[in-house]
């Protein structure tokens, strides 16, 4: 007889009836969704639909008004001390739209700082690991450069290496290519594709529909604070069910 599997054994993230308001404006409306271990989910939708707010609630950069979000069975929005929250966030990698690197630190220092400060890893060990991660994103030759000396695409790849330095089981990406010039987008997407190929659990808010088609296991389409369509890329791009998703794709094609 096959043993029963508890939800946290299957789902890395569980979102249950999550709502979020800014004053009288409700940006998220009772969202229900799950992300399985090793799954790549792309979140898309029109501007102002709640995509970035949703992904920021998953590592508690945004508080929620009601509902629950669990990560590996732990309630992310339960009362906790700052140290506990930092430990939780260290296990959920986050890549921002605008890189958020420390300009006064070298590239290798940006990548190695959190393992030293949060995990207590020895500086030489963290430094060596940072070099390996920079090699993975194709930037080991820039280890001693400063963020201001790098292109936008290079800075974003450093930001990805920095998030990976904490060895998170989940990575969140909030429009990671939207601040980049078009010729730099491909180099960042290539790194993200390699993470997906390695089995990383990923949630990506992005307008890069080619990436969504090639890499996503599922697509969540959000409009007016609600996930109105969940589908595989094949289903979403060839036969979207919801009229709003149909209009969104038609506008992209035009």
Protein backbone atom coordinates (compact mmCIF):
# COMPACT_ATOMS: atom_id res chain seq x y z
CA UNK A 1 0.00 0.00 0.00
CA UNK A 2 1.39 3.43 -0.98
CA UNK A 3 1.86 5.72 2.03
CA UNK A 4 -0.20 8.88 2.07
CA UNK A 5 1.60 12.10 1.16
CA UNK A 6 0.94 15.23 3.15
CA UNK A 7 0.42 18.51 1.22
CA UNK A 8 3.81 19.88 2.26
CA UNK A 9 5.51 16.82 0.76
CA UNK A 10 4.08 17.68 -2.66
CA UNK A 11 3.64 21.44 -2.66
CA UNK A 12 6.48 23.81 -1.93
CA UNK A 13 4.02 26.72 -1.70
CA UNK A 14 0.32 26.77 -0.88
CA UNK A 15 -1.72 29.98 -1.23
CA UNK A 16 -5.14 29.86 0.42
CA UNK A 17 -7.80 32.57 -0.03
CA UNK A 18 -5.22 35.38 0.04
CA UNK A 19 -6.53 38.95 -0.14
CA UNK A 20 -4.57 42.20 -0.02
CA UNK A 21 -5.80 45.78 0.13
CA UNK A 22 -4.20 49.21 -0.09
CA UNK A 23 -6.78 51.38 1.65
CA UNK A 24 -10.03 50.89 -0.26
CA UNK A 25 -8.29 49.32 -3.27
CA UNK A 26 -8.27 45.53 -3.26
CA UNK A 27 -5.25 44.35 -5.21
CA UNK A 28 -5.59 40.59 -4.50
CA UNK A 29 -8.94 38.84 -4.15
CA UNK A 30 -9.10 35.45 -2.39
CA UNK A 31 -6.37 33.78 -4.43
CA UNK A 32 -6.03 29.99 -4.19
CA UNK A 33 -3.01 28.28 -5.79
CA UNK A 34 -0.27 25.72 -5.19
CA UNK A 35 3.24 25.32 -6.52
CA UNK A 36 4.68 21.81 -6.56
CA UNK A 37 8.32 21.05 -5.83
CA UNK A 38 10.41 21.45 -8.96
CA UNK A 39 7.62 23.28 -10.80
CA UNK A 40 8.19 26.42 -12.86
CA UNK A 41 5.21 28.79 -12.76
CA UNK A 42 5.04 31.94 -14.88
CA UNK A 43 2.67 34.66 -13.66
CA UNK A 44 1.45 37.00 -16.37
CA UNK A 45 -1.30 39.51 -16.94
CA UNK A 46 -1.90 43.19 -17.70
CA UNK A 47 -0.12 45.97 -15.79
CA UNK A 48 -1.68 46.66 -12.41
CA UNK A 49 -3.31 43.24 -12.16
CA UNK A 50 -1.57 42.26 -8.89
CA UNK A 51 1.24 40.04 -10.23
CA UNK A 52 4.13 41.67 -8.37
CA UNK A 53 2.10 42.10 -5.20
CA UNK A 54 1.26 38.38 -5.20
CA UNK A 55 4.86 37.25 -5.61
CA UNK A 56 6.02 39.69 -2.92
CA UNK A 57 3.57 38.20 -0.41
CA UNK A 58 5.29 34.83 -0.79
CA UNK A 59 8.42 36.00 1.05
CA UNK A 60 6.51 38.56 3.12
CA UNK A 61 7.80 41.69 1.44
CA UNK A 62 4.08 42.49 1.36
CA UNK A 63 1.71 41.67 4.21
CA UNK A 64 -1.68 40.14 3.46
CA UNK A 65 -5.04 41.16 4.92
CA UNK A 66 -6.57 37.68 4.99
CA UNK A 67 -5.89 34.10 3.97
CA UNK A 68 -2.70 32.09 4.42
CA UNK A 69 0.50 31.26 2.55
CA UNK A 70 2.58 28.24 3.55
CA UNK A 71 6.08 27.30 2.47
CA UNK A 72 7.17 23.75 3.27
CA UNK A 73 4.24 23.63 5.68
CA UNK A 74 5.28 26.82 7.54
CA UNK A 75 2.82 29.72 7.72
CA UNK A 76 4.75 32.61 6.16
CA UNK A 77 2.46 35.28 7.60
CA UNK A 78 2.28 33.93 11.14
CA UNK A 79 3.60 36.22 13.90
CA UNK A 80 7.38 35.79 14.12
CA UNK A 81 10.45 37.61 15.30
CA UNK A 82 12.73 39.45 12.88
CA UNK A 83 15.37 36.73 13.14
CA UNK A 84 12.82 34.04 12.27
CA UNK A 85 11.56 36.08 9.31
CA UNK A 86 15.12 36.55 8.03
CA UNK A 87 15.72 32.80 8.31
CA UNK A 88 12.53 32.16 6.35
CA UNK A 89 13.46 34.65 3.64
CA UNK A 90 16.91 33.10 3.35
CA UNK A 91 15.20 29.97 2.00
CA UNK A 92 13.15 31.85 -0.61
CA UNK A 93 15.44 33.48 -3.16
CA UNK A 94 14.13 36.75 -4.61
CA UNK A 95 15.38 38.51 -7.75
CA UNK A 96 14.16 42.08 -8.10
CA UNK A 97 13.41 44.13 -11.18
CA UNK A 98 16.14 46.68 -10.39
CA UNK A 99 18.92 44.34 -9.17
CA UNK A 100 19.27 45.90 -5.65
CA UNK A 101 23.01 45.24 -5.48
CA UNK A 102 25.18 47.08 -2.96
CA UNK A 103 27.16 49.61 -5.05
CA UNK A 104 30.02 49.92 -2.54
CA UNK A 105 30.72 46.18 -2.52
CA UNK A 106 32.47 44.20 -5.23
CA UNK A 107 30.58 41.58 -7.18
CA UNK A 108 32.01 38.70 -5.16
CA UNK A 109 31.29 40.56 -1.90
CA UNK A 110 27.67 41.09 -2.96
CA UNK A 111 27.28 37.36 -3.51
CA UNK A 112 29.11 36.18 -0.39
CA UNK A 113 27.75 38.66 2.17
CA UNK A 114 24.45 36.98 3.11
CA UNK A 115 25.91 33.47 3.69
CA UNK A 116 28.43 35.07 6.07
CA UNK A 117 25.98 37.33 7.91
CA UNK A 118 22.84 35.16 7.96
CA UNK A 119 24.25 31.63 7.95
CA UNK A 120 27.53 32.29 9.75
CA UNK A 121 29.60 30.67 7.01
CA UNK A 122 33.33 31.42 7.14
CA UNK A 123 34.36 34.24 4.79
CA UNK A 124 36.85 32.18 2.80
CA UNK A 125 34.33 29.40 2.24
CA UNK A 126 31.60 31.89 1.24
CA UNK A 127 34.07 33.63 -1.10
CA UNK A 128 34.98 30.37 -2.86
CA UNK A 129 31.33 29.42 -3.22
CA UNK A 130 30.54 32.88 -4.59
CA UNK A 131 33.19 32.39 -7.28
CA UNK A 132 31.58 29.08 -8.28
CA UNK A 133 28.18 30.75 -8.54
CA UNK A 134 29.61 33.63 -10.57
CA UNK A 135 31.15 31.06 -12.89
CA UNK A 136 27.74 29.46 -13.23
CA UNK A 137 26.18 32.75 -14.39
CA UNK A 138 29.18 33.50 -16.63
CA UNK A 139 30.68 36.33 -14.59
CA UNK A 140 33.61 34.92 -12.64
CA UNK A 141 35.88 37.30 -14.55
CA UNK A 142 33.93 40.22 -13.03
CA UNK A 143 34.33 39.04 -9.41
CA UNK A 144 36.35 42.08 -8.33
CA UNK A 145 34.40 44.63 -10.34
CA UNK A 146 31.74 46.88 -8.80
CA UNK A 147 28.07 46.94 -9.86
CA UNK A 148 28.46 50.36 -11.47
CA UNK A 149 31.03 48.88 -13.85
CA UNK A 150 28.60 46.24 -15.15
CA UNK A 151 25.84 46.28 -17.72
CA UNK A 152 22.25 45.81 -16.57
CA UNK A 153 22.23 42.21 -17.74
CA UNK A 154 25.43 41.48 -15.86
CA UNK A 155 24.07 43.11 -12.70
CA UNK A 156 20.95 40.96 -12.88
CA UNK A 157 23.03 37.81 -13.28
CA UNK A 158 24.99 38.83 -10.18
CA UNK A 159 21.67 39.30 -8.38
CA UNK A 160 20.68 35.75 -9.34
CA UNK A 161 24.01 34.40 -8.06
CA UNK A 162 23.49 36.33 -4.81
CA UNK A 163 20.07 34.72 -4.32
CA UNK A 164 21.48 31.27 -5.10
CA UNK A 165 24.26 31.74 -2.53
CA UNK A 166 21.72 31.04 0.24
CA UNK A 167 20.87 27.67 -1.38
CA UNK A 168 17.14 28.39 -1.44
CA UNK A 169 14.76 25.59 -2.47
CA UNK A 170 12.51 28.20 -4.15
CA UNK A 171 13.36 31.17 -6.37
CA UNK A 172 11.03 34.12 -7.02
CA UNK A 173 11.60 36.48 -9.97
CA UNK A 174 9.74 39.80 -10.15
CA UNK A 175 9.97 41.00 -13.77
CA UNK A 176 13.74 40.35 -13.84
CA UNK A 177 14.23 41.56 -17.42
CA UNK A 178 11.89 44.58 -17.55
CA UNK A 179 14.64 47.08 -16.65
CA UNK A 180 17.06 45.70 -19.26
CA UNK A 181 17.86 46.78 -22.77
CA UNK A 182 16.55 44.20 -25.28
CA UNK A 183 20.01 42.83 -26.13
CA UNK A 184 20.62 41.99 -22.45
CA UNK A 185 17.39 40.08 -21.87
CA UNK A 186 18.61 36.83 -23.42
CA UNK A 187 21.60 36.44 -21.11
CA UNK A 188 19.38 36.64 -18.01
CA UNK A 189 16.75 34.30 -19.42
CA UNK A 190 19.48 31.78 -20.26
CA UNK A 191 20.50 31.63 -16.59
CA UNK A 192 16.85 31.22 -15.55
CA UNK A 193 16.40 28.42 -18.07
CA UNK A 194 19.42 26.60 -16.66
CA UNK A 195 17.95 26.82 -13.16
CA UNK A 196 14.67 25.38 -14.40
CA UNK A 197 16.53 22.56 -16.16
CA UNK A 198 18.22 21.73 -12.84
CA UNK A 199 14.83 21.29 -11.16
CA UNK A 200 14.64 24.55 -9.20
CA UNK A 201 11.15 25.50 -7.98
CA UNK A 202 10.48 28.89 -9.57
CA UNK A 203 7.78 31.55 -9.73
CA UNK A 204 8.40 34.19 -12.36
CA UNK A 205 6.46 37.38 -13.00
CA UNK A 206 7.42 38.22 -16.55
CA UNK A 207 6.24 39.59 -19.89
CA UNK A 208 8.67 37.30 -21.73
CA UNK A 209 6.14 35.00 -23.37
CA UNK A 210 8.80 33.06 -25.27
CA UNK A 211 10.33 32.09 -21.92
CA UNK A 212 6.88 31.18 -20.60
CA UNK A 213 6.19 28.95 -23.59
CA UNK A 214 9.57 27.20 -23.46
CA UNK A 215 10.20 26.80 -19.73
CA UNK A 216 6.99 27.02 -17.67
CA UNK A 217 5.15 23.99 -16.39
CA UNK A 218 2.09 26.13 -15.73
CA UNK A 219 0.98 29.67 -16.42
CA UNK A 220 -1.15 31.71 -14.05
CA UNK A 221 -2.99 34.56 -15.76
CA UNK A 222 -4.00 37.32 -13.34
CA UNK A 223 -6.48 40.10 -13.99
CA UNK A 224 -7.92 42.55 -11.45
CA UNK A 225 -6.38 40.70 -8.52
CA UNK A 226 -7.64 37.23 -9.40
CA UNK A 227 -6.07 34.23 -11.10
CA UNK A 228 -8.62 33.71 -13.83
CA UNK A 229 -6.74 31.06 -15.78
CA UNK A 230 -4.26 28.31 -14.88
CA UNK A 231 -3.00 26.27 -17.80
CA UNK A 232 -0.04 24.57 -19.37
CA UNK A 233 1.81 26.73 -21.91
CA UNK A 234 0.35 24.64 -24.72
CA UNK A 235 -3.20 25.22 -23.47
CA UNK A 236 -2.64 28.88 -22.68
CA UNK A 237 -1.06 29.89 -25.98
CA UNK A 238 -3.19 27.77 -28.32
CA UNK A 239 -6.58 27.73 -26.61
CA UNK A 240 -6.98 30.20 -23.74
CA UNK A 241 -10.39 29.78 -22.14
CA UNK A 242 -11.04 33.13 -20.49
CA UNK A 243 -12.00 36.06 -22.77
CA UNK A 244 -9.59 38.37 -20.91
CA UNK A 245 -6.68 35.98 -21.54
CA UNK A 246 -7.72 35.76 -25.20
CA UNK A 247 -7.59 39.57 -25.48
CA UNK A 248 -4.24 39.72 -23.70
CA UNK A 249 -2.66 37.26 -26.15
CA UNK A 250 -4.27 38.96 -29.14
CA UNK A 251 -2.80 42.30 -28.04
CA UNK A 252 0.65 40.70 -27.68
CA UNK A 253 0.47 39.28 -31.19
CA UNK A 254 -0.47 42.66 -32.61
